[in-house]
Amino acid sequence: AKLEKPCLDHGYAGDKHGYSHVYIKELKLLKYRHRVAYCNFHGIKISDIDGQVVMHLCDNPRCIEPTHLKLGTHKENSQDSSKKGRMRNYRVRSNPDKYLYSQFYALDINDYVK
């Protein structure tokens, strides 16, 4: 999907992935700048999105353009990253249930092999 507006760079030094943090005095916490931009745009508090991720539709971690940001789950973000080939630095499991099953199965076998 083509985005209507160009990316808006946060303009600060980012971490090794390009993300930048901002210090929120009231909370005495550092928060990712794109999360703060999302909340400001939607008129919500940063605590309202606890447990959720703010995904970049543009795949640019330096971007804080609110129309490029979408609220989602960790699972949705991982699936999106994997689908777009951005998970090369992470261990990707195509079927997490199978992995968990094989992990427990191995533990059961190890209990009997001494």
Protein backbone atom coordinates (compact mmCIF):
# COMPACT_ATOMS: atom_id res chain seq x y z
CA ALA A 1 0.00 0.00 0.00
CA LYS A 2 1.36 3.39 -1.01
CA LEU A 3 1.46 5.96 1.77
CA GLU A 4 0.13 9.44 1.01
CA LYS A 5 2.67 11.40 3.06
CA PRO A 6 6.45 11.02 3.11
CA CYS A 7 8.26 9.71 6.18
CA LEU A 8 8.93 12.26 8.92
CA ASP A 9 12.38 11.61 10.39
CA HIS A 10 12.63 12.08 14.16
CA GLY A 11 15.86 14.06 13.63
CA TYR A 12 17.75 12.61 16.60
CA ALA A 13 20.49 10.06 17.04
CA GLY A 14 18.82 6.69 17.09
CA ASP A 15 19.83 3.33 18.47
CA LYS A 16 21.48 0.76 16.19
CA HIS A 17 18.09 0.07 14.59
CA GLY A 18 17.21 3.77 14.10
CA TYR A 19 14.67 4.14 16.93
CA SER A 20 14.89 7.21 19.17
CA HIS A 21 13.69 7.74 22.72
CA VAL A 22 12.13 10.73 24.42
CA TYR A 23 12.10 11.39 28.16
CA ILE A 24 8.62 12.00 29.56
CA LYS A 25 9.06 14.11 32.72
CA GLU A 26 5.63 13.39 34.16
CA LEU A 27 6.23 9.64 34.00
CA LYS A 28 9.99 9.82 34.62
CA LEU A 29 10.37 7.31 31.79
CA LEU A 30 12.05 6.99 28.42
CA LYS A 31 9.64 6.00 25.67
CA TYR A 32 10.13 5.34 21.98
CA ARG A 33 9.54 8.55 20.01
CA HIS A 34 7.22 6.85 17.47
CA ARG A 35 4.99 5.59 20.32
CA VAL A 36 4.70 9.14 21.69
CA ALA A 37 3.94 10.49 18.20
CA TYR A 38 1.16 7.90 17.77
CA CYS A 39 -0.40 8.80 21.12
CA ASN A 40 -0.17 12.56 20.53
CA PHE A 41 -1.84 12.20 17.13
CA HIS A 42 -4.68 10.08 18.52
CA GLY A 43 -5.10 12.11 21.72
CA ILE A 44 -4.42 9.20 24.05
CA LYS A 45 -2.01 8.57 26.92
CA ILE A 46 1.08 6.44 26.48
CA SER A 47 -0.28 4.09 29.15
CA ASP A 48 -3.35 3.47 26.96
CA ILE A 49 -1.21 1.42 24.58
CA ASP A 50 0.67 -0.64 27.17
CA GLY A 51 1.10 -4.21 25.97
CA GLN A 52 0.71 -3.21 22.31
CA VAL A 53 3.22 -2.21 19.68
CA VAL A 54 3.21 0.74 17.31
CA MET A 55 4.04 -0.65 13.88
CA HIS A 56 5.65 1.32 11.05
CA LEU A 57 3.66 0.88 7.83
CA CYS A 58 6.65 2.44 6.03
CA ASP A 59 9.14 0.02 7.65
CA ASN A 60 11.31 3.00 8.63
CA PRO A 61 12.16 2.97 12.37
CA ARG A 62 13.24 6.63 12.18
CA CYS A 63 9.77 7.71 11.00
CA ILE A 64 7.34 9.48 13.35
CA GLU A 65 4.74 10.42 10.72
CA PRO A 66 1.47 9.53 12.50
CA THR A 67 -0.22 8.29 9.33
CA HIS A 68 2.58 5.72 8.95
CA LEU A 69 2.02 4.31 12.44
CA LYS A 70 -0.45 1.58 13.33
CA LEU A 71 -1.29 -0.03 16.65
CA GLY A 72 -0.92 -3.80 16.72
CA THR A 73 0.06 -6.84 18.74
CA HIS A 74 3.51 -8.36 19.12
CA LYS A 75 2.31 -11.30 17.01
CA GLU A 76 1.07 -9.01 14.21
CA ASN A 77 4.35 -7.10 14.24
CA SER A 78 6.41 -10.30 14.07
CA GLN A 79 4.26 -11.69 11.25
CA ASP A 80 4.55 -8.40 9.33
CA SER A 81 8.34 -8.34 9.82
CA SER A 82 8.69 -11.96 8.74
CA LYS A 83 6.46 -11.48 5.69
CA LYS A 84 8.54 -8.47 4.59
CA GLY A 85 11.87 -10.24 5.20
CA ARG A 86 12.94 -7.98 8.07
CA MET A 87 13.46 -10.74 10.66
CA ARG A 88 16.95 -11.79 9.53
CA ASN A 89 18.51 -10.87 12.89
CA TYR A 90 15.92 -12.80 14.84
CA ARG A 91 15.06 -16.46 15.16
CA VAL A 92 11.90 -17.00 13.13
CA ARG A 93 9.64 -19.94 13.84
CA SER A 94 7.02 -20.62 11.20
CA ASN A 95 4.97 -22.72 13.63
CA PRO A 96 5.52 -21.75 17.29
CA ASP A 97 3.13 -24.46 18.51
CA LYS A 98 5.22 -27.13 16.80
CA TYR A 99 8.37 -25.67 18.36
CA LEU A 100 6.80 -25.71 21.83
CA TYR A 101 5.56 -29.25 21.31
CA SER A 102 9.01 -30.44 20.21
CA GLN A 103 10.57 -28.65 23.18
CA PHE A 104 8.27 -30.41 25.65
CA TYR A 105 8.64 -33.71 23.83
CA ALA A 106 12.43 -33.45 24.13
CA LEU A 107 12.10 -32.66 27.83
CA ASP A 108 9.92 -35.73 28.32
CA ILE A 109 12.41 -37.97 26.53
CA ASN A 110 15.31 -36.54 28.51
CA ASP A 111 13.51 -37.40 31.74
CA TYR A 112 13.66 -41.07 30.75
CA VAL A 113 17.19 -41.15 29.31
CA LYS A 114 19.74 -41.19 32.12
